[in-house]
């Protein structure tokens, strides 16, 4: 019976979002748009902090504007160098960490978004932009793209993690929070006990969006969760071996209750890494050759109170990242089935 349920689930989750004329499936085409809705009923009552959930690192950076000023997240030395147009072109190669848009990431199964935002110097309209070295799209445009998906997939739950703010005063923060309210309205989930949040309870309340805000400003709004509820330890290494050791260590230190947990399965370039692969960029120099080894580590993991929860990656479409993380939830299914025996 368990095998039958798994087969049915694969049929529901493995559909193609966009037909490929060649008849083959690439990782970005396999559609996991409704994977949460497709989980077996007994997982609907598990806390979200116990599920395996795929996420993306610098989720918005599929597009950055090389014609805009360099962002306030960069040093003065970089800003001076960036007056040379070629420098910005090279910066773009190292600022982009995703190929897929928000919508495409959501269709692939990504449910956690790592978001860094900034005002743009000289703008008088208080507009807020995504940023990673260079400015990305307007936050409002990204939020509307996400909301459109959620409206069409009412049982999917997402995590928005606003964890870096640049050149933002109180007025900018108020503007950003208002944008979040306008975009999602009643879909926003008020901050509460992490253990009380299950798929079933969220579905009953028609809530789909958990918004984490790493700034004291969260205290003024009931639908903003404090950043401490979603720790995301950062290995800051170019070594796969050191990354995996770090991920294992931080998982072993994970708090059993009271918070979610983000495993950042990413490698971070150093200055000499960038110098050696200046023209190749992040994807070709560091990610492409190491991502399969990182994915192998993901395949050995198990979700649960002391296991993996949210796992993030760069360029989530290069391998079957989202599908691999989602599949880990089958281990929870198997545990429950064995317990019943």
Protein backbone atom coordinates (compact mmCIF):
# COMPACT_ATOMS: atom_id res chain seq x y z
CA UNK A 1 0.00 0.00 0.00
CA UNK A 2 2.89 2.34 0.84
CA UNK A 3 4.36 1.76 -2.63
CA UNK A 4 1.02 2.63 -4.25
CA UNK A 5 0.80 5.89 -2.31
CA UNK A 6 4.35 6.80 -3.36
CA UNK A 7 3.56 6.10 -7.00
CA UNK A 8 0.45 8.29 -6.87
CA UNK A 9 2.43 11.07 -5.24
CA UNK A 10 5.09 10.95 -7.96
CA UNK A 11 2.39 11.29 -10.58
CA UNK A 12 1.04 14.37 -8.85
CA UNK A 13 4.42 15.99 -8.21
CA UNK A 14 6.39 15.02 -11.29
CA UNK A 15 4.38 16.82 -13.94
CA UNK A 16 6.01 19.14 -16.40
CA UNK A 17 5.43 22.87 -15.92
CA UNK A 18 6.46 23.69 -19.47
CA UNK A 19 6.58 21.13 -22.27
CA UNK A 20 10.02 20.45 -23.75
CA UNK A 21 9.93 19.76 -27.50
CA UNK A 22 12.69 17.16 -27.10
CA UNK A 23 10.48 15.13 -24.80
CA UNK A 24 13.07 15.02 -22.00
CA UNK A 25 12.82 16.55 -18.55
CA UNK A 26 15.41 19.00 -17.29
CA UNK A 27 15.60 19.80 -13.58
CA UNK A 28 14.02 23.23 -14.12
CA UNK A 29 11.09 21.69 -15.98
CA UNK A 30 10.01 19.12 -13.39
CA UNK A 31 7.08 20.76 -11.66
CA UNK A 32 6.70 20.54 -7.90
CA UNK A 33 4.19 23.37 -7.80
CA UNK A 34 1.87 21.55 -5.38
CA UNK A 35 4.24 19.33 -3.44
CA UNK A 36 3.01 20.44 -0.02
CA UNK A 37 -0.59 19.76 -0.97
CA UNK A 38 0.55 16.35 -2.25
CA UNK A 39 2.19 15.20 0.98
CA UNK A 40 0.44 12.22 2.65
CA UNK A 41 -2.22 13.14 5.24
CA UNK A 42 -0.24 12.13 8.35
CA UNK A 43 2.46 14.69 7.47
CA UNK A 44 -0.15 17.45 7.46
CA UNK A 45 -0.05 17.41 11.28
CA UNK A 46 3.72 17.57 11.67
CA UNK A 47 5.26 20.96 12.56
CA UNK A 48 6.77 22.66 9.51
CA UNK A 49 10.02 22.74 11.46
CA UNK A 50 10.14 18.93 11.11
CA UNK A 51 9.66 18.83 7.33
CA UNK A 52 12.39 18.99 4.67
CA UNK A 53 11.87 22.20 2.70
CA UNK A 54 13.97 23.39 -0.27
CA UNK A 55 15.11 27.00 -0.40
CA UNK A 56 17.30 29.24 -2.53
CA UNK A 57 20.25 31.45 -1.59
CA UNK A 58 20.06 35.11 -2.69
CA UNK A 59 16.76 34.05 -4.22
CA UNK A 60 16.13 37.26 -6.18
CA UNK A 61 19.51 37.47 -7.91
CA UNK A 62 18.44 35.86 -11.19
CA UNK A 63 18.55 39.43 -12.54
CA UNK A 64 20.74 42.33 -11.46
CA UNK A 65 21.10 45.68 -13.16
CA UNK A 66 24.68 46.35 -14.26
CA UNK A 67 23.62 49.85 -15.35
CA UNK A 68 22.53 50.87 -11.86
CA UNK A 69 24.84 52.20 -9.14
CA UNK A 70 26.78 49.66 -7.11
CA UNK A 71 24.82 48.76 -3.99
CA UNK A 72 25.47 50.11 -0.50
CA UNK A 73 26.38 46.55 0.55
CA UNK A 74 29.75 47.00 -1.21
CA UNK A 75 32.97 48.67 0.00
CA UNK A 76 34.11 52.08 -1.15
CA UNK A 77 36.99 50.44 -3.05
CA UNK A 78 34.55 48.35 -5.10
CA UNK A 79 32.37 51.39 -5.73
CA UNK A 80 35.37 53.29 -7.12
CA UNK A 81 36.41 50.37 -9.35
CA UNK A 82 32.84 50.00 -10.61
CA UNK A 83 33.11 53.33 -12.42
CA UNK A 84 34.74 51.22 -15.11
CA UNK A 85 31.92 49.57 -17.07
CA UNK A 86 33.78 46.27 -17.45
CA UNK A 87 33.98 45.93 -13.67
CA UNK A 88 30.20 45.94 -13.39
CA UNK A 89 29.92 43.24 -16.04
CA UNK A 90 32.30 41.10 -14.02
CA UNK A 91 30.43 41.91 -10.80
CA UNK A 92 27.26 40.63 -12.41
CA UNK A 93 28.88 37.23 -12.99
CA UNK A 94 29.57 36.97 -9.26
CA UNK A 95 26.34 38.60 -8.02
CA UNK A 96 23.93 36.27 -9.82
CA UNK A 97 23.31 33.10 -7.78
CA UNK A 98 20.11 31.83 -9.42
CA UNK A 99 18.88 31.22 -12.98
CA UNK A 100 15.17 30.92 -12.20
CA UNK A 101 12.66 33.69 -11.50
CA UNK A 102 10.55 33.60 -8.34
CA UNK A 103 7.72 31.96 -10.24
CA UNK A 104 10.00 29.34 -11.78
CA UNK A 105 11.57 28.60 -8.42
CA UNK A 106 8.14 28.15 -6.86
CA UNK A 107 7.07 25.80 -9.65
CA UNK A 108 10.28 23.81 -9.12
CA UNK A 109 9.36 23.42 -5.43
CA UNK A 110 11.38 26.15 -3.68
CA UNK A 111 9.53 27.38 -0.58
CA UNK A 112 12.13 29.42 1.31
CA UNK A 113 13.47 32.71 -0.07
CA UNK A 114 16.62 34.45 1.18
CA UNK A 115 16.01 38.18 0.69
CA UNK A 116 18.35 41.17 0.93
CA UNK A 117 16.94 44.64 0.29
CA UNK A 118 17.99 48.24 -0.07
CA UNK A 119 16.83 51.69 -0.99
CA UNK A 120 18.52 53.16 -4.07
CA UNK A 121 20.60 56.31 -3.51
CA UNK A 122 19.04 59.28 -5.23
CA UNK A 123 15.54 57.77 -5.46
CA UNK A 124 12.94 60.10 -4.01
CA UNK A 125 10.03 57.64 -4.10
CA UNK A 126 11.14 55.38 -1.18
CA UNK A 127 11.13 52.36 -3.50
CA UNK A 128 12.89 49.26 -2.14
CA UNK A 129 14.96 46.91 -4.32
CA UNK A 130 16.51 43.49 -3.92
CA UNK A 131 20.28 43.70 -3.81
CA UNK A 132 23.40 41.56 -4.07
CA UNK A 133 26.30 43.77 -5.05
CA UNK A 134 24.15 45.26 -7.80
CA UNK A 135 20.49 46.23 -7.60
CA UNK A 136 17.89 43.68 -8.63
CA UNK A 137 14.20 44.04 -9.34
CA UNK A 138 11.83 46.10 -7.19
CA UNK A 139 10.69 44.20 -4.11
CA UNK A 140 7.08 44.99 -5.00
CA UNK A 141 7.38 43.26 -8.37
CA UNK A 142 8.85 40.16 -6.72
CA UNK A 143 6.14 40.04 -4.05
CA UNK A 144 3.39 40.30 -6.65
CA UNK A 145 4.93 37.45 -8.66
CA UNK A 146 4.98 35.29 -5.54
CA UNK A 147 1.43 36.22 -4.55
CA UNK A 148 0.13 35.30 -8.01
CA UNK A 149 1.56 31.79 -7.58
CA UNK A 150 0.13 31.43 -4.07
CA UNK A 151 -3.34 32.43 -5.22
CA UNK A 152 -3.23 29.67 -7.82
CA UNK A 153 -1.78 27.14 -5.33
CA UNK A 154 -3.66 27.80 -2.07
CA UNK A 155 -2.11 24.92 -0.10
CA UNK A 156 1.52 25.90 -0.63
CA UNK A 157 3.35 27.65 2.23
CA UNK A 158 6.37 29.92 1.78
CA UNK A 159 9.05 31.47 4.00
CA UNK A 160 10.21 35.02 3.22
CA UNK A 161 13.43 35.73 5.11
CA UNK A 162 14.31 39.44 5.00
CA UNK A 163 17.75 39.19 6.59
CA UNK A 164 19.83 42.08 5.24
CA UNK A 165 18.79 45.74 5.00
CA UNK A 166 20.91 48.48 3.43
CA UNK A 167 20.46 52.26 3.34
CA UNK A 168 17.06 51.96 5.02
CA UNK A 169 15.69 54.31 7.67
CA UNK A 170 12.36 54.02 9.51
CA UNK A 171 10.44 55.45 6.56
CA UNK A 172 11.90 52.83 4.22
CA UNK A 173 11.04 50.03 6.65
CA UNK A 174 7.45 51.26 6.94
CA UNK A 175 7.22 51.40 3.16
CA UNK A 176 8.53 47.84 2.83
CA UNK A 177 6.19 46.42 5.48
CA UNK A 178 3.25 48.18 3.83
CA UNK A 179 4.23 46.55 0.53
CA UNK A 180 4.28 43.14 2.21
CA UNK A 181 0.81 43.78 3.67
CA UNK A 182 -0.58 44.99 0.36
CA UNK A 183 0.86 42.02 -1.54
CA UNK A 184 -0.29 39.19 0.73
CA UNK A 185 -3.07 40.52 2.99
CA UNK A 186 -4.78 37.67 4.85
CA UNK A 187 -2.23 35.15 3.54
CA UNK A 188 0.25 36.47 6.14
CA UNK A 189 0.69 34.21 9.14
CA UNK A 190 0.94 35.95 12.55
CA UNK A 191 3.98 35.06 14.64
CA UNK A 192 3.18 32.24 17.08
CA UNK A 193 4.63 29.04 18.50
CA UNK A 194 6.78 27.28 15.90
CA UNK A 195 5.55 23.87 17.06
CA UNK A 196 1.91 24.88 16.48
CA UNK A 197 2.51 25.54 12.78
CA UNK A 198 1.50 22.57 10.67
CA UNK A 199 0.20 22.39 7.13
CA UNK A 200 -3.26 21.58 8.48
CA UNK A 201 -3.42 24.56 10.86
CA UNK A 202 -2.21 26.93 8.16
CA UNK A 203 -4.68 25.56 5.63
CA UNK A 204 -7.53 25.99 8.11
CA UNK A 205 -6.55 29.65 8.58
CA UNK A 206 -5.87 30.23 4.86
CA UNK A 207 -2.37 31.44 5.77
CA UNK A 208 0.45 30.87 3.29
CA UNK A 209 3.24 33.36 4.08
CA UNK A 210 5.67 33.36 7.00
CA UNK A 211 7.67 36.59 6.96
CA UNK A 212 10.89 36.85 8.99
CA UNK A 213 12.34 40.30 9.61
CA UNK A 214 15.88 40.57 11.00
CA UNK A 215 15.38 44.03 12.44
CA UNK A 216 13.76 45.29 15.70
CA UNK A 217 11.06 46.80 13.49
CA UNK A 218 9.30 43.39 13.53
CA UNK A 219 7.95 44.14 17.02
CA UNK A 220 5.48 46.66 15.58
CA UNK A 221 3.67 44.15 13.35
CA UNK A 222 2.06 40.85 14.43
CA UNK A 223 2.72 39.18 11.06
CA UNK A 224 6.49 39.77 11.19
CA UNK A 225 8.48 36.97 12.79
CA UNK A 226 11.78 37.74 14.58
CA UNK A 227 14.89 36.65 12.73
CA UNK A 228 16.03 34.53 15.69
CA UNK A 229 13.19 32.11 14.88
CA UNK A 230 14.96 31.05 11.68
CA UNK A 231 18.73 30.77 12.29
CA UNK A 232 20.81 30.16 9.16
CA UNK A 233 24.43 29.38 10.12
CA UNK A 234 26.92 30.31 7.39
CA UNK A 235 30.02 28.20 6.71
CA UNK A 236 31.83 30.92 4.69
CA UNK A 237 34.13 28.46 2.91
CA UNK A 238 35.14 27.39 -0.60
CA UNK A 239 35.75 23.80 0.55
CA UNK A 240 33.02 21.17 0.15
CA UNK A 241 34.63 19.12 2.92
CA UNK A 242 34.60 22.03 5.37
CA UNK A 243 31.05 22.96 4.32
CA UNK A 244 29.72 19.46 5.03
CA UNK A 245 31.52 19.32 8.38
CA UNK A 246 30.00 22.69 9.27
CA UNK A 247 26.49 21.58 8.22
CA UNK A 248 26.78 18.41 10.30
CA UNK A 249 28.04 20.34 13.34
CA UNK A 250 25.35 23.02 13.23
CA UNK A 251 22.64 20.39 12.76
CA UNK A 252 23.88 18.56 15.86
CA UNK A 253 23.59 21.87 17.75
CA UNK A 254 20.11 22.64 16.43
CA UNK A 255 17.60 23.67 19.10
CA UNK A 256 14.95 20.90 19.36
CA UNK A 257 12.12 23.41 19.80
CA UNK A 258 11.26 27.06 19.27
CA UNK A 259 12.71 27.76 15.84
CA UNK A 260 13.11 26.63 12.27
CA UNK A 261 16.59 25.80 10.96
CA UNK A 262 18.26 26.72 7.67
CA UNK A 263 21.15 24.62 6.38
CA UNK A 264 22.99 26.86 3.90
CA UNK A 265 24.49 24.29 1.52
CA UNK A 266 26.47 26.95 -0.30
CA UNK A 267 30.11 27.77 -1.00
CA UNK A 268 31.33 31.35 -0.63
CA UNK A 269 34.09 32.73 -2.89
CA UNK A 270 37.08 34.47 -1.39
CA UNK A 271 39.00 37.30 -3.06
CA UNK A 272 41.53 34.88 -4.56
CA UNK A 273 38.67 32.64 -5.82
CA UNK A 274 37.22 35.59 -7.71
CA UNK A 275 40.66 36.62 -9.00
CA UNK A 276 41.31 33.13 -10.39
CA UNK A 277 37.89 32.79 -12.01
CA UNK A 278 37.21 36.43 -12.75
CA UNK A 279 35.59 35.93 -16.16
CA UNK A 280 33.95 32.58 -15.36
CA UNK A 281 31.81 33.89 -12.53
CA UNK A 282 30.33 32.11 -9.52
CA UNK A 283 28.45 29.41 -11.40
CA UNK A 284 31.30 28.22 -13.60
CA UNK A 285 34.11 28.69 -11.08
CA UNK A 286 32.65 27.37 -7.83
CA UNK A 287 29.11 26.04 -8.05
CA UNK A 288 28.84 23.86 -11.15
CA UNK A 289 31.64 21.43 -10.26
CA UNK A 290 30.82 21.22 -6.52
CA UNK A 291 27.02 21.09 -6.49
CA UNK A 292 26.79 17.32 -7.23
CA UNK A 293 28.91 16.56 -4.13
CA UNK A 294 26.75 18.87 -2.01
CA UNK A 295 23.63 17.15 -3.36
CA UNK A 296 25.10 13.79 -2.34
CA UNK A 297 25.24 15.08 1.23
CA UNK A 298 21.62 16.23 1.02
CA UNK A 299 20.57 12.72 -0.05
CA UNK A 300 21.98 11.27 3.18
CA UNK A 301 19.96 13.56 5.42
CA UNK A 302 16.77 12.96 7.36
CA UNK A 303 14.19 15.56 8.43
CA UNK A 304 12.72 15.77 11.91
CA UNK A 305 13.05 17.74 15.15
CA UNK A 306 16.83 17.19 15.21
CA UNK A 307 17.32 16.65 11.48
CA UNK A 308 17.34 18.93 8.46
CA UNK A 309 14.53 21.43 7.98
CA UNK A 310 15.17 24.09 5.32
CA UNK A 311 18.10 23.52 2.94
CA UNK A 312 19.26 26.27 0.58
CA UNK A 313 21.41 26.20 -2.54
CA UNK A 314 22.77 28.40 -5.29
CA UNK A 315 21.51 27.74 -8.83
CA UNK A 316 18.79 25.34 -7.72
CA UNK A 317 18.08 24.32 -11.32
CA UNK A 318 21.55 22.89 -12.08
CA UNK A 319 20.73 19.61 -10.31
CA UNK A 320 17.50 18.06 -9.02
CA UNK A 321 17.91 20.04 -5.83
CA UNK A 322 14.30 20.78 -4.87
CA UNK A 323 13.05 17.29 -5.77
CA UNK A 324 15.88 15.72 -3.74
CA UNK A 325 15.03 17.76 -0.63
CA UNK A 326 11.29 17.11 -0.99
CA UNK A 327 11.91 13.37 -1.31
CA UNK A 328 13.51 13.35 2.16
CA UNK A 329 9.99 13.67 3.57
CA UNK A 330 9.37 10.09 2.43
CA UNK A 331 11.60 9.05 5.36
CA UNK A 332 9.06 10.57 7.74
CA UNK A 333 6.36 8.64 5.91
CA UNK A 334 8.29 5.39 6.25
CA UNK A 335 8.92 5.99 9.97
CA UNK A 336 5.21 6.45 10.59
CA UNK A 337 4.33 3.34 8.63
CA UNK A 338 6.84 1.26 10.63
CA UNK A 339 5.49 2.65 13.90
CA UNK A 340 1.97 1.51 12.96
CA UNK A 341 3.29 -2.02 12.34
